[in-house]
Amino acid sequence: MDKLEKATKLMMLVVGCIGLLVIYFGFFYLMFTGRSTAAIPWYILLSPWVCIYFGLTKHQQLAVVRWFTDKWSRK
């Protein structure tokens, strides 16, 4: 099961990175050419980040959550 989990995490990481490149390059292309980006829902821009997050190890996931809480908490 450990081998399957590692393969799945690697696949999620690769798919997330490729999705990030494709979706954001397409988004910025539309934006800079003056075409409307209104048809693109906001969750499509977030979906590659979800794949990347679940492709990380548990330790890295906790570090990401800690970073967000430190960044957005009041000091």
C-alpha atoms as a PDB file:
ATOM      1  CA  MET A   1       0.000   0.000   0.000  1.00  0.00           C
ATOM      2  CA  ASP A   2       2.891   2.355   0.681  1.00  0.00           C
ATOM      3  CA  LYS A   3       4.085   2.068  -2.926  1.00  0.00           C
ATOM      4  CA  LEU A   4       0.592   2.829  -4.253  1.00  0.00           C
ATOM      5  CA  GLU A   5       0.293   5.847  -1.968  1.00  0.00           C
ATOM      6  CA  LYS A   6       3.650   7.239  -3.127  1.00  0.00           C
ATOM      7  CA  ALA A   7       2.681   6.730  -6.776  1.00  0.00           C
ATOM      8  CA  THR A   8      -0.655   8.462  -6.218  1.00  0.00           C
ATOM      9  CA  LYS A   9       0.974  11.416  -4.444  1.00  0.00           C
ATOM     10  CA  LEU A  10       3.535  11.767  -7.246  1.00  0.00           C
ATOM     11  CA  MET A  11       0.756  11.653  -9.845  1.00  0.00           C
ATOM     12  CA  MET A  12      -1.215  14.328  -7.953  1.00  0.00           C
ATOM     13  CA  LEU A  13       1.894  16.514  -7.762  1.00  0.00           C
ATOM     14  CA  VAL A  14       2.656  16.148 -11.486  1.00  0.00           C
ATOM     15  CA  VAL A  15      -0.965  16.711 -12.555  1.00  0.00           C
ATOM     16  CA  GLY A  16      -1.198  19.745 -10.265  1.00  0.00           C
ATOM     17  CA  CYS A  17       1.986  21.313 -11.632  1.00  0.00           C
ATOM     18  CA  ILE A  18       1.009  20.733 -15.254  1.00  0.00           C
ATOM     19  CA  GLY A  19      -2.513  21.989 -14.541  1.00  0.00           C
ATOM     20  CA  LEU A  20      -1.077  25.057 -12.867  1.00  0.00           C
ATOM     21  CA  LEU A  21       0.984  25.887 -15.946  1.00  0.00           C
ATOM     22  CA  VAL A  22      -1.813  25.240 -18.447  1.00  0.00           C
ATOM     23  CA  ILE A  23      -4.598  27.010 -16.559  1.00  0.00           C
ATOM     24  CA  TYR A  24      -2.601  30.056 -15.488  1.00  0.00           C
ATOM     25  CA  PHE A  25      -0.878  30.536 -18.856  1.00  0.00           C
ATOM     26  CA  GLY A  26      -4.290  30.334 -20.509  1.00  0.00           C
ATOM     27  CA  PHE A  27      -5.792  32.736 -17.981  1.00  0.00           C
ATOM     28  CA  PHE A  28      -3.020  35.293 -18.390  1.00  0.00           C
ATOM     29  CA  TYR A  29      -3.111  34.888 -22.179  1.00  0.00           C
ATOM     30  CA  LEU A  30      -6.817  35.742 -22.187  1.00  0.00           C
ATOM     31  CA  MET A  31      -6.270  38.598 -19.770  1.00  0.00           C
ATOM     32  CA  PHE A  32      -3.384  40.203 -21.680  1.00  0.00           C
ATOM     33  CA  THR A  33      -5.007  39.827 -25.102  1.00  0.00           C
ATOM     34  CA  GLY A  34      -8.034  41.729 -23.854  1.00  0.00           C
ATOM     35  CA  ARG A  35     -10.491  38.835 -24.007  1.00  0.00           C
ATOM     36  CA  SER A  36     -12.983  38.306 -21.246  1.00  0.00           C
ATOM     37  CA  THR A  37     -12.077  35.977 -18.402  1.00  0.00           C
ATOM     38  CA  ALA A  38     -15.560  36.231 -16.884  1.00  0.00           C
ATOM     39  CA  ALA A  39     -16.470  32.723 -18.059  1.00  0.00           C
ATOM     40  CA  ILE A  40     -13.683  31.161 -15.968  1.00  0.00           C
ATOM     41  CA  PRO A  41     -14.981  30.230 -12.506  1.00  0.00           C
ATOM     42  CA  TRP A  42     -12.694  31.064  -9.572  1.00  0.00           C
ATOM     43  CA  TYR A  43     -12.478  27.427  -8.432  1.00  0.00           C
ATOM     44  CA  ILE A  44     -10.795  26.397 -11.686  1.00  0.00           C
ATOM     45  CA  LEU A  45      -7.890  28.682 -10.773  1.00  0.00           C
ATOM     46  CA  LEU A  46      -7.651  26.977  -7.359  1.00  0.00           C
ATOM     47  CA  SER A  47      -7.983  23.348  -8.477  1.00  0.00           C
ATOM     48  CA  PRO A  48      -4.293  22.791  -9.414  1.00  0.00           C
ATOM     49  CA  TRP A  49      -3.293  23.991  -5.951  1.00  0.00           C
ATOM     50  CA  VAL A  50      -5.527  21.336  -4.380  1.00  0.00           C
ATOM     51  CA  CYS A  51      -3.779  18.642  -6.440  1.00  0.00           C
ATOM     52  CA  ILE A  52      -0.380  20.000  -5.450  1.00  0.00           C
ATOM     53  CA  TYR A  53      -1.355  20.124  -1.763  1.00  0.00           C
ATOM     54  CA  PHE A  54      -2.519  16.508  -1.702  1.00  0.00           C
ATOM     55  CA  GLY A  55       0.606  15.478  -3.613  1.00  0.00           C
ATOM     56  CA  LEU A  56       2.818  16.694  -0.768  1.00  0.00           C
ATOM     57  CA  THR A  57       3.916  14.561   2.163  1.00  0.00           C
ATOM     58  CA  LYS A  58       2.084  14.904   5.493  1.00  0.00           C
ATOM     59  CA  HIS A  59       4.992  16.907   6.927  1.00  0.00           C
ATOM     60  CA  GLN A  60       4.915  19.319   3.973  1.00  0.00           C
ATOM     61  CA  GLN A  61       1.112  19.618   4.219  1.00  0.00           C
ATOM     62  CA  LEU A  62       1.391  20.573   7.880  1.00  0.00           C
ATOM     63  CA  ALA A  63       4.083  23.118   7.013  1.00  0.00           C
ATOM     64  CA  VAL A  64       1.762  24.680   4.409  1.00  0.00           C
ATOM     65  CA  VAL A  65      -1.099  24.904   6.924  1.00  0.00           C
ATOM     66  CA  ARG A  66       1.244  26.401   9.516  1.00  0.00           C
ATOM     67  CA  TRP A  67       2.503  28.939   6.964  1.00  0.00           C
ATOM     68  CA  PHE A  68      -1.072  30.005   6.116  1.00  0.00           C
ATOM     69  CA  THR A  69      -2.073  30.331   9.754  1.00  0.00           C
ATOM     70  CA  ASP A  70       1.043  32.364  10.521  1.00  0.00           C
ATOM     71  CA  LYS A  71       0.477  34.568   7.491  1.00  0.00           C
ATOM     72  CA  TRP A  72      -3.204  35.288   8.145  1.00  0.00           C
ATOM     73  CA  SER A  73      -3.322  35.342  11.947  1.00  0.00           C
ATOM     74  CA  ARG A  74      -3.163  38.571  13.864  1.00  0.00           C
ATOM     75  CA  LYS A  75       0.044  39.155  15.754  1.00  0.00           C
END
